[in-house]
Protein backbone atom coordinates (compact mmCIF):
# COMPACT_ATOMS: atom_id res chain seq x y z
CA UNK A 1 90.22 152.76 145.81
CA UNK A 2 87.36 154.27 147.86
CA UNK A 3 84.23 155.55 145.95
CA UNK A 4 82.05 158.24 147.40
CA UNK A 5 78.63 157.50 146.16
CA UNK A 6 76.37 158.66 149.01
CA UNK A 7 74.12 161.42 147.87
CA UNK A 8 74.72 163.41 151.05
CA UNK A 9 78.30 164.49 151.85
CA UNK A 10 79.64 162.98 155.11
CA UNK A 11 79.32 165.24 158.13
CA UNK A 12 83.09 165.74 158.15
CA UNK A 13 82.87 167.00 154.50
CA UNK A 14 79.93 169.29 155.24
CA UNK A 15 81.66 170.78 158.23
CA UNK A 16 84.89 171.53 156.17
CA UNK A 17 82.83 173.14 153.32
CA UNK A 18 80.87 175.27 155.69
CA UNK A 19 83.89 176.36 157.53
CA UNK A 20 85.49 177.34 154.32
CA UNK A 21 82.35 179.38 153.08
CA UNK A 22 81.93 181.10 156.41
CA UNK A 23 85.51 182.10 156.50
CA UNK A 24 86.79 185.56 155.40
CA UNK A 25 89.35 184.08 153.03
CA UNK A 26 88.97 183.05 149.34
CA UNK A 27 87.52 179.48 148.80
CA UNK A 28 87.92 179.18 145.12
CA UNK A 29 90.92 179.96 143.01
CA UNK A 30 91.27 179.87 139.19
CA UNK A 31 94.97 178.97 138.70
CA UNK A 32 96.88 179.10 135.42
CA UNK A 33 99.75 176.66 136.04
CA UNK A 34 101.28 177.26 132.64
CA UNK A 35 100.79 179.45 129.45
CA UNK A 36 102.44 176.65 127.36
CA UNK A 37 100.03 174.93 124.96
CA UNK A 38 100.30 172.59 122.11
CA UNK A 39 97.03 173.85 120.47
CA UNK A 40 96.06 177.03 118.81
CA UNK A 41 92.46 177.55 119.37
CA UNK A 42 91.00 180.53 117.60
CA UNK A 43 88.47 181.14 120.39
CA UNK A 44 91.12 181.15 122.99
CA UNK A 45 91.11 184.30 125.22
CA UNK A 46 94.60 183.50 126.61
CA UNK A 47 96.37 183.28 123.30
CA UNK A 48 98.64 186.21 123.92
CA UNK A 49 100.00 184.64 127.04
CA UNK A 50 100.52 181.32 125.16
CA UNK A 51 102.35 182.97 122.41
CA UNK A 52 104.72 184.64 124.96
CA UNK A 53 104.94 181.64 127.26
CA UNK A 54 108.25 180.89 129.06
CA UNK A 55 108.44 178.06 131.51
CA UNK A 56 111.24 179.61 133.31
CA UNK A 57 109.21 182.66 134.31
CA UNK A 58 106.32 180.62 135.67
CA UNK A 59 105.62 179.74 139.38
CA UNK A 60 107.72 176.68 140.43
CA UNK A 61 106.53 173.80 142.62
CA UNK A 62 108.45 175.36 145.57
CA UNK A 63 106.64 178.58 145.07
CA UNK A 64 103.24 177.03 144.94
CA UNK A 65 104.06 175.24 148.30
CA UNK A 66 104.67 178.70 149.79
CA UNK A 67 101.48 179.95 148.46
CA UNK A 68 99.45 177.08 149.66
CA UNK A 69 100.85 177.45 153.26
CA UNK A 70 99.15 180.90 153.43
CA UNK A 71 95.77 179.83 152.37
CA UNK A 72 93.63 178.01 154.95
CA UNK A 73 90.16 177.56 153.42
CA UNK A 74 90.84 177.16 149.59
CA UNK A 75 88.22 174.39 149.22
CA UNK A 76 88.02 174.47 145.35
CA UNK A 77 91.10 174.77 143.03
CA UNK A 78 90.24 175.16 139.14
CA UNK A 79 93.33 174.75 137.11
CA UNK A 80 93.81 175.92 133.59
CA UNK A 81 96.34 177.08 131.17
CA UNK A 82 97.71 176.79 128.42
CA UNK A 83 97.57 172.94 128.66
CA UNK A 84 97.89 172.08 132.43
CA UNK A 85 99.15 168.51 131.73
CA UNK A 86 102.28 169.91 130.03
CA UNK A 87 103.56 170.45 133.50
CA UNK A 88 104.82 167.09 134.77
CA UNK A 89 104.76 168.29 138.36
CA UNK A 90 101.02 169.09 138.30
CA UNK A 91 100.23 166.34 140.64
CA UNK A 92 102.65 167.60 143.15
CA UNK A 93 101.13 171.10 142.83
CA UNK A 94 97.67 169.69 143.63
CA UNK A 95 99.04 167.82 146.51
CA UNK A 96 100.53 170.87 147.98
CA UNK A 97 97.19 172.79 148.07
CA UNK A 98 95.48 169.51 149.39
CA UNK A 99 97.84 169.30 152.23
CA UNK A 100 98.36 172.95 153.12
CA UNK A 101 95.26 174.68 152.01
CA UNK A 102 92.51 172.13 152.93
CA UNK A 103 91.59 171.87 149.26
CA UNK A 104 89.19 168.98 148.66
CA UNK A 105 87.89 169.78 145.14
CA UNK A 106 90.22 170.12 142.04
CA UNK A 107 89.09 170.77 138.55
CA UNK A 108 91.58 170.47 135.62
CA UNK A 109 90.42 171.69 132.14
CA UNK A 110 92.33 169.82 129.41
CA UNK A 111 92.48 169.75 125.62
CA UNK A 112 92.95 166.02 126.12
CA UNK A 113 96.14 165.72 124.15
CA UNK A 114 98.17 163.93 126.70
CA UNK A 115 96.39 160.77 127.96
CA UNK A 116 99.29 159.28 129.67
CA UNK A 117 99.91 162.50 131.75
CA UNK A 118 96.34 162.37 132.57
CA UNK A 119 96.67 158.68 133.84
CA UNK A 120 99.68 159.59 135.95
CA UNK A 121 97.96 162.49 137.39
CA UNK A 122 95.00 160.54 138.51
CA UNK A 123 97.11 157.69 140.04
CA UNK A 124 99.22 160.12 142.05
CA UNK A 125 96.38 162.13 143.29
CA UNK A 126 94.34 159.10 144.34
CA UNK A 127 97.34 157.76 146.29
CA UNK A 128 98.61 160.87 147.99
CA UNK A 129 95.27 162.87 148.45
CA UNK A 130 92.88 160.24 149.90
CA UNK A 131 89.88 162.68 150.65
CA UNK A 132 90.01 164.65 147.42
CA UNK A 133 87.22 164.95 144.71
CA UNK A 134 88.67 165.27 141.24
CA UNK A 135 86.91 166.75 138.26
CA UNK A 136 88.56 166.70 134.71
CA UNK A 137 87.02 168.52 131.91
CA UNK A 138 88.01 167.56 128.42
CA UNK A 139 87.42 169.93 125.53
CA UNK A 140 85.32 168.52 122.69
CA UNK A 141 83.97 170.96 120.07
CA UNK A 142 83.28 168.73 117.18
CA UNK A 143 84.16 165.32 115.63
CA UNK A 144 87.20 164.12 113.90
CA UNK A 145 89.04 166.42 111.52
CA UNK A 146 86.62 169.22 112.38
CA UNK A 147 87.67 169.22 116.06
CA UNK A 148 91.36 169.09 115.01
CA UNK A 149 90.71 172.12 112.87
CA UNK A 150 88.97 174.02 115.64
CA UNK A 151 91.87 173.46 117.99
CA UNK A 152 94.63 173.87 115.57
CA UNK A 153 96.24 170.58 116.35
CA UNK A 154 96.30 167.60 113.86
CA UNK A 155 95.42 164.19 115.27
CA UNK A 156 94.03 165.81 118.54
CA UNK A 157 90.64 164.02 118.26
CA UNK A 158 92.11 160.67 118.57
CA UNK A 159 94.12 161.71 121.48
CA UNK A 160 91.00 163.06 123.13
CA UNK A 161 89.31 159.70 122.77
CA UNK A 162 92.31 158.01 124.35
CA UNK A 163 92.09 160.51 127.26
CA UNK A 164 88.35 159.85 127.59
CA UNK A 165 88.96 156.08 127.92
CA UNK A 166 91.71 156.57 130.42
CA UNK A 167 89.31 158.72 132.59
CA UNK A 168 86.62 156.34 132.20
CA UNK A 169 88.77 153.45 133.13
CA UNK A 170 90.15 155.10 136.34
CA UNK A 171 86.57 156.22 137.40
CA UNK A 172 85.37 152.53 136.80
CA UNK A 173 88.11 151.47 139.05
CA UNK A 174 86.99 153.69 141.88
CA UNK A 175 88.70 156.87 141.55
CA UNK A 176 86.76 159.79 143.09
CA UNK A 177 86.45 161.45 139.61
CA UNK A 178 83.83 163.53 137.94
CA UNK A 179 84.19 163.48 134.18
CA UNK A 180 83.14 166.58 132.25
CA UNK A 181 82.92 167.43 128.51
CA UNK A 182 83.47 171.15 127.80
CA UNK A 183 82.28 172.42 124.51
CA UNK A 184 82.78 175.92 123.37
CA UNK A 185 80.03 177.10 121.12
CA UNK A 186 81.31 178.96 118.03
CA UNK A 187 80.05 179.62 114.45
CA UNK A 188 82.12 176.70 113.40
CA UNK A 189 80.21 173.99 115.44
CA UNK A 190 76.75 175.54 115.87
CA UNK A 191 75.29 173.37 113.29
CA UNK A 192 76.92 170.20 114.55
CA UNK A 193 76.06 170.10 118.24
CA UNK A 194 73.19 167.52 117.83
CA UNK A 195 75.56 165.04 116.15
CA UNK A 196 78.16 165.71 118.82
CA UNK A 197 75.77 164.98 121.51
CA UNK A 198 74.72 161.69 120.01
CA UNK A 199 78.38 160.74 119.63
CA UNK A 200 79.10 161.53 123.17
CA UNK A 201 76.15 159.53 124.43
CA UNK A 202 77.17 156.52 122.54
CA UNK A 203 80.99 156.67 123.08
CA UNK A 204 81.92 158.57 126.09
CA UNK A 205 81.07 157.73 129.73
CA UNK A 206 80.75 161.36 130.82
CA UNK A 207 79.09 162.68 133.94
CA UNK A 208 78.44 166.16 132.82
CA UNK A 209 78.26 168.36 129.59
CA UNK A 210 79.16 171.88 129.81
CA UNK A 211 78.23 174.37 126.93
CA UNK A 212 80.69 177.26 127.05
CA UNK A 213 79.74 180.71 125.58
CA UNK A 214 82.93 182.22 123.87
CA UNK A 215 84.46 184.90 126.01
CA UNK A 216 87.15 187.38 126.24
CA UNK A 217 89.63 188.69 123.55
CA UNK A 218 89.55 185.74 121.34
CA UNK A 219 92.31 185.06 118.93
CA UNK A 220 89.78 185.21 116.17
CA UNK A 221 86.88 187.57 117.10
CA UNK A 222 84.66 186.05 114.59
CA UNK A 223 84.55 183.01 116.54
CA UNK A 224 82.41 184.94 119.31
CA UNK A 225 79.64 185.56 116.90
CA UNK A 226 77.03 183.43 118.53
CA UNK A 227 73.58 184.84 119.12
CA UNK A 228 71.27 184.46 122.32
CA UNK A 229 68.85 182.47 120.28
CA UNK A 230 71.64 180.05 119.04
CA UNK A 231 72.98 179.66 122.70
CA UNK A 232 69.42 178.79 123.85
CA UNK A 233 68.88 176.25 121.16
CA UNK A 234 72.26 174.75 121.73
CA UNK A 235 71.75 174.66 125.54
CA UNK A 236 68.69 172.51 124.91
CA UNK A 237 70.83 169.94 123.18
CA UNK A 238 73.15 169.76 125.97
CA UNK A 239 70.49 169.47 128.72
CA UNK A 240 68.79 166.24 129.91
CA UNK A 241 71.94 164.69 131.10
CA UNK A 242 71.47 161.28 132.83
CA UNK A 243 71.77 161.74 136.66
CA UNK A 244 74.74 160.15 138.13
CA UNK A 245 74.86 158.36 141.48
CA UNK A 246 77.71 160.48 142.81
CA UNK A 247 76.80 163.29 145.22
CA UNK A 248 79.34 165.61 143.86
CA UNK A 249 78.21 165.21 140.34
CA UNK A 250 74.61 165.73 141.28
CA UNK A 251 75.18 168.88 143.28
CA UNK A 252 77.53 170.24 140.65
CA UNK A 253 74.89 169.74 137.83
CA UNK A 254 72.36 171.58 139.95
CA UNK A 255 74.66 174.53 140.51
CA UNK A 256 75.70 174.50 136.86
CA UNK A 257 72.05 174.68 135.66
CA UNK A 258 71.32 177.54 137.84
CA UNK A 259 74.58 179.37 136.64
CA UNK A 260 73.44 178.85 133.12
CA UNK A 261 70.17 180.39 133.75
CA UNK A 262 71.91 183.51 135.17
CA UNK A 263 74.29 183.69 132.08
CA UNK A 264 71.25 183.46 129.68
CA UNK A 265 69.69 186.34 131.52
CA UNK A 266 72.70 188.45 131.30
CA UNK A 267 72.97 187.64 127.58
CA UNK A 268 69.49 188.85 127.11
CA UNK A 269 69.28 191.83 129.37
CA UNK A 270 72.97 192.82 129.91
CA UNK A 271 74.09 194.05 133.42
CA UNK A 272 70.54 194.26 134.76
CA UNK A 273 69.87 190.77 134.06
CA UNK A 274 72.82 189.42 136.02
CA UNK A 275 71.26 187.96 139.18
CA UNK A 276 74.13 188.03 141.50
CA UNK A 277 76.73 190.37 143.11
CA UNK A 278 79.84 188.93 141.75
CA UNK A 279 82.22 187.38 144.45
CA UNK A 280 85.46 187.94 142.40
CA UNK A 281 88.20 189.37 144.41
CA UNK A 282 86.65 188.07 147.66
CA UNK A 283 85.53 184.43 147.63
CA UNK A 284 86.96 183.87 144.14
CA UNK A 285 90.47 184.79 142.95
CA UNK A 286 92.63 184.20 140.00
CA UNK A 287 96.43 183.44 139.95
CA UNK A 288 98.40 183.53 136.79
CA UNK A 289 101.29 181.22 135.88
CA UNK A 290 103.75 184.15 136.49
CA UNK A 291 102.40 184.91 139.90
CA UNK A 292 100.05 187.85 139.27
CA UNK A 293 96.93 187.94 141.47
CA UNK A 294 93.70 189.30 140.08
CA UNK A 295 89.96 189.14 141.13
CA UNK A 296 88.99 187.28 137.97
CA UNK A 297 90.56 186.45 134.50
CA UNK A 298 87.97 188.39 132.68
CA UNK A 299 88.04 191.85 134.33
CA UNK A 300 91.24 193.02 132.61
CA UNK A 301 89.52 192.08 129.20
CA UNK A 302 86.06 193.37 129.72
CA UNK A 303 87.27 196.55 131.62
CA UNK A 304 90.69 197.21 130.12
CA UNK A 305 90.52 200.77 131.51
CA UNK A 306 90.76 199.41 135.02
CA UNK A 307 94.03 198.35 136.58
CA UNK A 308 92.74 195.01 137.90
CA UNK A 309 96.14 193.45 139.03
CA UNK A 310 96.36 193.06 142.80
CA UNK A 311 100.09 192.53 142.65
CA UNK A 312 102.50 189.64 142.18
CA UNK A 313 102.84 187.07 145.01
CA UNK A 314 106.47 187.03 144.58
CA UNK A 315 106.68 190.48 145.89
CA UNK A 316 104.17 189.82 148.72
CA UNK A 317 105.99 186.88 150.50
CA UNK A 318 103.50 184.57 148.69
CA UNK A 319 100.83 185.73 151.11
CA UNK A 320 97.56 185.96 149.18
CA UNK A 321 95.28 186.81 152.23
CA UNK A 322 97.41 189.71 153.15
CA UNK A 323 97.27 190.95 149.62
CA UNK A 324 93.43 190.80 149.59
CA UNK A 325 93.16 193.37 152.59
CA UNK A 326 95.38 195.84 150.99
CA UNK A 327 93.89 199.19 149.77
CA UNK A 328 94.05 198.25 146.10
CA UNK A 329 92.28 195.09 146.63
CA UNK A 330 89.42 196.83 148.68
CA UNK A 331 89.02 199.44 146.05
CA UNK A 332 88.60 196.74 143.33
CA UNK A 333 85.98 194.95 145.36
CA UNK A 334 84.06 198.14 145.84
CA UNK A 335 84.26 198.73 142.09
CA UNK A 336 83.02 195.16 141.39
CA UNK A 337 79.97 195.69 143.76
CA UNK A 338 79.15 199.28 142.79
CA UNK A 339 79.21 198.64 139.10
CA UNK A 340 77.30 195.39 139.42
CA UNK A 341 80.32 193.97 137.38
CA UNK A 342 78.83 191.30 135.04
CA UNK A 343 79.87 188.88 132.26
CA UNK A 344 79.16 185.45 130.88
CA UNK A 345 82.19 183.82 132.54
CA UNK A 346 81.07 180.29 133.73
CA UNK A 347 83.37 180.01 136.82
CA UNK A 348 82.23 183.21 138.16
CA UNK A 349 78.55 182.30 137.66
CA UNK A 350 79.19 179.01 139.62
CA UNK A 351 80.97 180.81 142.45
CA UNK A 352 78.17 183.45 142.54
CA UNK A 353 75.48 180.60 142.94
CA UNK A 354 77.43 178.87 145.61
CA UNK A 355 78.32 181.99 147.57
CA UNK A 356 74.83 183.61 147.33
CA UNK A 357 72.92 182.44 150.46
CA UNK A 358 69.53 183.03 148.99
CA UNK A 359 70.34 180.35 146.21
CA UNK A 360 70.96 177.58 148.68
CA UNK A 361 67.36 176.46 149.26
CA UNK A 362 66.72 176.20 145.44
CA UNK A 363 70.07 174.29 145.01
CA UNK A 364 69.04 171.82 147.71
CA UNK A 365 65.47 171.44 146.32
CA UNK A 366 66.65 170.93 142.74
CA UNK A 367 69.36 168.48 143.61
CA UNK A 368 66.82 166.36 145.49
CA UNK A 369 64.31 166.48 142.56
CA UNK A 370 66.98 165.30 139.84
């Protein structure tokens, strides 16, 4: 396997990235490949969709191929659910966007319950997508039985450790893979985060730790009761991550730090503290498992009075770029810009850092320093 360890991306990769950023098309898509899930997390904002999940109604591989053929500059694909690895055809879905949409970075967020599916995914993508950069984020909120309880799935923690070993093994063998740990901060784990960090440092060969502020319409709203002070203290616990040699990991960590600063500012000051004009509905889009296109996954929850659905791709010949120039899409973009739409959603913050040009010098400087 080929390992990309140079700090600076190759000229070819740089050119492709800049071409994507400068294009008028979306470059980042959050994609829910399924609502099916074997866990029942009380902090989940997608729980209603999971409770009403039906695989027969979800976009099939052939439909993803059609969608991918109409997207020319989709540089980054962020895959969630449900539990994405429940879909056996996940590797082929990724391959479709790699081949047809010029997608070169793919993140999959997983609860870590299916280690052998993760192994098969990595092997397939390495073989069929030679220029791809993978990122897998495994959710770990606590240790042992406390983690199982927080995710509503008995025996999950042992499976998570198996998944971590698989990812570490594949990365060690040369897979172009960034390994992230995602921790949702809740009242259930806020006193255990130092112990969790020590355990991860001693037992898991991660590249990145991501502390996630609870968001959206959680199954149990009490799990969102986290104060700004608690978030700040927890963030300190998750900082000081050892710098990795991989260029993608180093750049990602820099962007993530800047995104976290913006989220903290928003939590402190509200909308006035949000440092960006959100790019949702323009450079960032969201596609649900049933084909509904939206600017982002949070708009319908934080602004339920707004009709934030842009339409179903099945009704629009699977052509997302055409959907984004329709009147409704233009009106929603205007709304996002004019109201300075703001939230604590990490993916949106990351995109806003990347697609705000005035942030680029700071990103470059901090990446070189770390």
